[in-house]
Amino acid sequence: MAASAAFCTNCSGIALTDSPTEPFHCPRCGHDQHQPLTPGMVAATRDLAEWTGEMLCDNATGLTCGEAELFCAFFREFGHPGVADQLLELHAEGDDEGDDHGIGADGKVFTRS
């Protein structure tokens, strides 16, 4: 049987399951209640990855560091590493001194630990 995806009804974590009838335990919070992802949810997520990169890059300086990191991970997962890199660079250009991201003397984006 093919794997299917489900999201946790507690924290919205996503996990793959081998069967919709097998016990589901969220990898993020351990909760066992879940909702299967519908084909429409999967299609909408793919569309989001395809069509929102430019808008987010235009507004990258308004994102928090956590939001920028989250969107970058999303774009990388959906095969758009160039969008993720551009988003983080534009975000870093607008970060204040002491924020998580910045542009170093070499012109490259850095992330503070």
Protein backbone atom coordinates (compact mmCIF):
# COMPACT_ATOMS: atom_id res chain seq x y z
CA MET A 1 0.00 0.00 0.00
CA ALA A 2 1.27 3.51 -0.83
CA ALA A 3 2.12 5.90 1.94
CA SER A 4 -0.30 8.72 2.65
CA ALA A 5 0.18 11.97 4.47
CA ALA A 6 -1.74 13.26 7.47
CA PHE A 7 -1.58 16.34 9.64
CA CYS A 8 -1.88 16.51 13.39
CA THR A 9 -5.08 18.11 14.65
CA ASN A 10 -3.17 19.40 17.68
CA CYS A 11 -0.16 21.21 16.16
CA SER A 12 -0.58 20.77 12.35
CA GLY A 13 2.60 18.68 12.11
CA ILE A 14 2.76 16.55 8.95
CA ALA A 15 3.67 12.88 8.86
CA LEU A 16 3.59 10.02 6.40
CA THR A 17 1.61 6.94 7.32
CA ASP A 18 1.60 3.52 5.65
CA SER A 19 -2.10 3.09 6.27
CA PRO A 20 -4.90 5.41 7.33
CA THR A 21 -5.94 2.75 9.89
CA GLU A 22 -2.51 2.43 11.57
CA PRO A 23 -1.84 4.48 14.70
CA PHE A 24 -0.56 7.94 13.91
CA HIS A 25 1.85 9.74 16.22
CA CYS A 26 2.81 13.27 15.31
CA PRO A 27 6.59 13.63 14.97
CA ARG A 28 6.36 17.13 16.46
CA CYS A 29 4.10 16.72 19.52
CA GLY A 30 3.30 12.99 19.80
CA HIS A 31 -0.46 13.60 19.52
CA ASP A 32 -2.40 10.71 17.98
CA GLN A 33 -5.37 12.48 16.39
CA HIS A 34 -4.92 13.25 12.72
CA GLN A 35 -6.67 14.32 9.56
CA PRO A 36 -5.61 12.80 6.22
CA LEU A 37 -4.35 15.27 3.65
CA THR A 38 -6.76 15.46 0.75
CA PRO A 39 -5.59 15.73 -2.87
CA GLY A 40 -6.94 19.30 -2.82
CA MET A 41 -4.73 20.19 0.17
CA VAL A 42 -1.68 18.78 -1.57
CA ALA A 43 -2.48 20.65 -4.81
CA ALA A 44 -3.07 23.92 -2.95
CA THR A 45 0.28 23.56 -1.16
CA ARG A 46 2.07 22.98 -4.47
CA ASP A 47 0.32 26.01 -5.97
CA LEU A 48 1.38 28.06 -2.97
CA ALA A 49 5.01 27.05 -3.54
CA GLU A 50 4.76 27.90 -7.25
CA TRP A 51 3.02 31.27 -6.99
CA THR A 52 3.95 33.05 -3.76
CA GLY A 53 7.73 33.38 -4.01
CA GLU A 54 7.74 36.75 -5.77
CA MET A 55 5.19 38.26 -3.38
CA LEU A 56 7.12 37.05 -0.35
CA CYS A 57 10.41 38.35 -1.75
CA ASP A 58 8.76 41.74 -2.30
CA ASN A 59 7.81 41.77 1.39
CA ALA A 60 10.82 39.94 2.85
CA THR A 61 11.92 42.84 5.04
CA GLY A 62 8.56 42.75 6.84
CA LEU A 63 8.94 39.11 7.85
CA THR A 64 10.24 38.08 11.24
CA CYS A 65 13.38 35.93 11.20
CA GLY A 66 11.32 32.88 12.14
CA GLU A 67 8.84 33.51 9.33
CA ALA A 68 11.66 33.96 6.81
CA GLU A 69 13.28 30.67 7.92
CA LEU A 70 9.93 28.86 7.73
CA PHE A 71 9.21 30.09 4.20
CA CYS A 72 12.76 29.27 3.09
CA ALA A 73 12.37 25.69 4.34
CA PHE A 74 9.01 25.46 2.55
CA PHE A 75 10.45 26.61 -0.78
CA ARG A 76 13.44 24.29 -0.50
CA GLU A 77 11.15 21.32 0.21
CA PHE A 78 9.16 22.09 -2.93
CA GLY A 79 12.23 22.37 -5.16
CA HIS A 80 12.67 26.14 -5.22
CA PRO A 81 16.05 26.71 -3.52
CA GLY A 82 16.68 29.86 -5.58
CA VAL A 83 13.52 31.47 -4.20
CA ALA A 84 14.57 30.47 -0.68
CA ASP A 85 18.03 31.99 -1.14
CA GLN A 86 16.62 35.21 -2.62
CA LEU A 87 14.01 35.50 0.13
CA LEU A 88 16.60 35.10 2.89
CA GLU A 89 18.96 37.59 1.25
CA LEU A 90 16.23 40.22 0.88
CA HIS A 91 15.06 39.57 4.43
CA ALA A 92 18.62 39.88 5.78
CA GLU A 93 19.13 43.21 4.02
CA GLY A 94 16.27 44.64 6.09
CA ASP A 95 17.16 43.05 9.42
CA ASP A 96 18.22 45.36 12.22
CA GLU A 97 21.51 45.07 14.04
CA GLY A 98 21.32 42.14 16.43
CA ASP A 99 18.62 40.26 14.49
CA ASP A 100 19.17 36.66 13.42
CA HIS A 101 20.20 37.42 9.82
CA GLY A 102 22.49 39.91 8.18
CA ILE A 103 24.75 40.62 5.25
CA GLY A 104 28.43 40.16 6.05
CA ALA A 105 31.35 42.23 4.79
CA ASP A 106 31.76 39.62 2.03
CA GLY A 107 28.20 40.37 0.80
CA LYS A 108 26.87 36.97 1.87
CA VAL A 109 23.93 36.26 4.15
CA PHE A 110 24.81 35.02 7.62
CA THR A 111 22.67 33.59 10.40
CA ARG A 112 23.54 34.22 14.01
CA SER A 113 23.50 31.15 16.24
